[in-house]
Amino acid sequence: MPNIIAARSERINVRLSEAAKRRIEHAAFVEGKTVSAFIVSSALENAERTVGRHDTLVLRREEAMRFFDALGDPAPPNDRLHAALEEHARRVEMR
């Protein structure tokens, strides 16, 4: 992960309970970090996991083989695909 924490020009404000604040402060202390550094590092770790789950497709072997077979021998375009391509050409200006 690139050094995302270095630039400090943006702000996010959060409201939380007193108990949550104390818990975060304690966790930051245990890790030897400021509360801000702890929150940012924790949020970025969670963000990376979340994005990774959404950006990664995991297939069983049988599914992967069907996928690669379809790439190597695609089905011929049907009427719906032709209509979608025509609609795309009508709506999108190529530059």
C-alpha atoms as a PDB file:
ATOM      1  CA  MET A   1       0.000   0.000   0.000  1.00  0.00           C
ATOM      2  CA  PRO A   2       1.444   3.392  -0.904  1.00  0.00           C
ATOM      3  CA  ASN A   3       2.113   5.861   1.876  1.00  0.00           C
ATOM      4  CA  ILE A   4      -1.413   7.256   1.974  1.00  0.00           C
ATOM      5  CA  ILE A   5      -1.065   8.513   5.537  1.00  0.00           C
ATOM      6  CA  ALA A   6       1.671  11.081   4.716  1.00  0.00           C
ATOM      7  CA  ALA A   7      -0.551  13.820   3.212  1.00  0.00           C
ATOM      8  CA  ARG A   8      -2.668  15.481   5.873  1.00  0.00           C
ATOM      9  CA  SER A   9      -4.835  18.002   4.079  1.00  0.00           C
ATOM     10  CA  GLU A  10      -8.247  16.358   4.442  1.00  0.00           C
ATOM     11  CA  ARG A  11     -10.488  15.876   7.449  1.00  0.00           C
ATOM     12  CA  ILE A  12     -13.202  13.423   8.471  1.00  0.00           C
ATOM     13  CA  ASN A  13     -15.276  14.140  11.553  1.00  0.00           C
ATOM     14  CA  VAL A  14     -16.972  11.353  13.469  1.00  0.00           C
ATOM     15  CA  ARG A  15     -19.242  11.272  16.479  1.00  0.00           C
ATOM     16  CA  LEU A  16     -19.025   8.319  18.814  1.00  0.00           C
ATOM     17  CA  SER A  17     -19.986   7.288  22.310  1.00  0.00           C
ATOM     18  CA  GLU A  18     -17.756   8.032  25.256  1.00  0.00           C
ATOM     19  CA  ALA A  19     -17.113   4.306  25.697  1.00  0.00           C
ATOM     20  CA  ALA A  20     -16.055   3.922  22.048  1.00  0.00           C
ATOM     21  CA  LYS A  21     -13.739   6.919  22.353  1.00  0.00           C
ATOM     22  CA  ARG A  22     -12.107   5.484  25.488  1.00  0.00           C
ATOM     23  CA  ARG A  23     -11.677   2.102  23.782  1.00  0.00           C
ATOM     24  CA  ILE A  24     -10.013   3.699  20.740  1.00  0.00           C
ATOM     25  CA  GLU A  25      -7.756   5.835  22.942  1.00  0.00           C
ATOM     26  CA  HIS A  26      -6.709   2.746  24.889  1.00  0.00           C
ATOM     27  CA  ALA A  27      -6.010   0.772  21.714  1.00  0.00           C
ATOM     28  CA  ALA A  28      -3.950   3.662  20.324  1.00  0.00           C
ATOM     29  CA  PHE A  29      -1.969   3.831  23.568  1.00  0.00           C
ATOM     30  CA  VAL A  30      -1.310   0.072  23.508  1.00  0.00           C
ATOM     31  CA  GLU A  31       0.036   0.337  19.960  1.00  0.00           C
ATOM     32  CA  GLY A  32       2.078   3.429  20.774  1.00  0.00           C
ATOM     33  CA  LYS A  33       0.208   5.579  18.276  1.00  0.00           C
ATOM     34  CA  THR A  34      -1.688   8.816  18.445  1.00  0.00           C
ATOM     35  CA  VAL A  35      -5.461   8.437  18.290  1.00  0.00           C
ATOM     36  CA  SER A  36      -5.445   9.963  14.809  1.00  0.00           C
ATOM     37  CA  ALA A  37      -2.711   7.623  13.553  1.00  0.00           C
ATOM     38  CA  PHE A  38      -4.499   4.633  15.068  1.00  0.00           C
ATOM     39  CA  ILE A  39      -7.832   5.561  13.492  1.00  0.00           C
ATOM     40  CA  VAL A  40      -6.295   6.261  10.079  1.00  0.00           C
ATOM     41  CA  SER A  41      -4.237   3.057  10.010  1.00  0.00           C
ATOM     42  CA  SER A  42      -7.191   0.963  11.209  1.00  0.00           C
ATOM     43  CA  ALA A  43      -9.554   2.531   8.680  1.00  0.00           C
ATOM     44  CA  LEU A  44      -7.069   2.072   5.817  1.00  0.00           C
ATOM     45  CA  GLU A  45      -6.495  -1.597   6.713  1.00  0.00           C
ATOM     46  CA  ASN A  46     -10.247  -2.166   6.724  1.00  0.00           C
ATOM     47  CA  ALA A  47     -10.630  -0.211   3.463  1.00  0.00           C
ATOM     48  CA  GLU A  48      -7.992  -2.388   1.760  1.00  0.00           C
ATOM     49  CA  ARG A  49      -9.747  -5.589   2.910  1.00  0.00           C
ATOM     50  CA  THR A  50     -13.138  -4.264   1.798  1.00  0.00           C
ATOM     51  CA  VAL A  51     -11.918  -3.182  -1.632  1.00  0.00           C
ATOM     52  CA  GLY A  52     -10.015  -6.454  -2.019  1.00  0.00           C
ATOM     53  CA  ARG A  53     -13.159  -8.481  -1.337  1.00  0.00           C
ATOM     54  CA  HIS A  54     -15.053  -6.511  -3.951  1.00  0.00           C
ATOM     55  CA  ASP A  55     -12.266  -6.421  -6.551  1.00  0.00           C
ATOM     56  CA  THR A  56     -11.312 -10.096  -6.321  1.00  0.00           C
ATOM     57  CA  LEU A  57     -13.320 -12.881  -7.884  1.00  0.00           C
ATOM     58  CA  VAL A  58     -12.717 -16.348  -6.472  1.00  0.00           C
ATOM     59  CA  LEU A  59     -13.877 -19.280  -8.572  1.00  0.00           C
ATOM     60  CA  ARG A  60     -13.909 -23.006  -7.958  1.00  0.00           C
ATOM     61  CA  ARG A  61     -11.867 -24.999 -10.465  1.00  0.00           C
ATOM     62  CA  GLU A  62     -14.954 -25.988 -12.488  1.00  0.00           C
ATOM     63  CA  GLU A  63     -16.148 -22.386 -12.654  1.00  0.00           C
ATOM     64  CA  ALA A  64     -12.711 -21.173 -13.705  1.00  0.00           C
ATOM     65  CA  MET A  65     -12.549 -23.773 -16.478  1.00  0.00           C
ATOM     66  CA  ARG A  66     -15.993 -22.738 -17.802  1.00  0.00           C
ATOM     67  CA  PHE A  67     -14.897 -19.076 -17.679  1.00  0.00           C
ATOM     68  CA  PHE A  68     -11.685 -19.723 -19.643  1.00  0.00           C
ATOM     69  CA  ASP A  69     -13.546 -21.935 -22.114  1.00  0.00           C
ATOM     70  CA  ALA A  70     -16.009 -19.104 -22.734  1.00  0.00           C
ATOM     71  CA  LEU A  71     -13.118 -16.682 -23.296  1.00  0.00           C
ATOM     72  CA  GLY A  72     -11.515 -19.028 -25.802  1.00  0.00           C
ATOM     73  CA  ASP A  73     -14.744 -19.899 -27.629  1.00  0.00           C
ATOM     74  CA  PRO A  74     -17.301 -17.136 -27.008  1.00  0.00           C
ATOM     75  CA  ALA A  75     -20.952 -17.565 -27.951  1.00  0.00           C
ATOM     76  CA  PRO A  76     -22.005 -15.687 -31.087  1.00  0.00           C
ATOM     77  CA  PRO A  77     -23.649 -12.289 -30.468  1.00  0.00           C
ATOM     78  CA  ASN A  78     -27.415 -12.494 -30.051  1.00  0.00           C
ATOM     79  CA  ASP A  79     -30.100  -9.892 -30.757  1.00  0.00           C
ATOM     80  CA  ARG A  80     -29.849  -8.398 -27.261  1.00  0.00           C
ATOM     81  CA  LEU A  81     -26.105  -7.856 -27.620  1.00  0.00           C
ATOM     82  CA  HIS A  82     -26.546  -6.267 -31.048  1.00  0.00           C
ATOM     83  CA  ALA A  83     -29.225  -3.963 -29.602  1.00  0.00           C
ATOM     84  CA  ALA A  84     -26.984  -3.050 -26.659  1.00  0.00           C
ATOM     85  CA  LEU A  85     -24.088  -2.225 -28.982  1.00  0.00           C
ATOM     86  CA  GLU A  86     -26.315  -0.065 -31.162  1.00  0.00           C
ATOM     87  CA  GLU A  87     -27.638   1.738 -28.067  1.00  0.00           C
ATOM     88  CA  HIS A  88     -24.076   2.268 -26.839  1.00  0.00           C
ATOM     89  CA  ALA A  89     -23.025   3.695 -30.209  1.00  0.00           C
ATOM     90  CA  ARG A  90     -26.028   6.012 -30.140  1.00  0.00           C
ATOM     91  CA  ARG A  91     -25.337   7.281 -26.596  1.00  0.00           C
ATOM     92  CA  VAL A  92     -21.528   7.378 -26.401  1.00  0.00           C
ATOM     93  CA  GLU A  93     -19.431   9.772 -28.410  1.00  0.00           C
ATOM     94  CA  MET A  94     -16.054   8.289 -29.327  1.00  0.00           C
ATOM     95  CA  ARG A  95     -13.102  10.663 -29.206  1.00  0.00           C
END
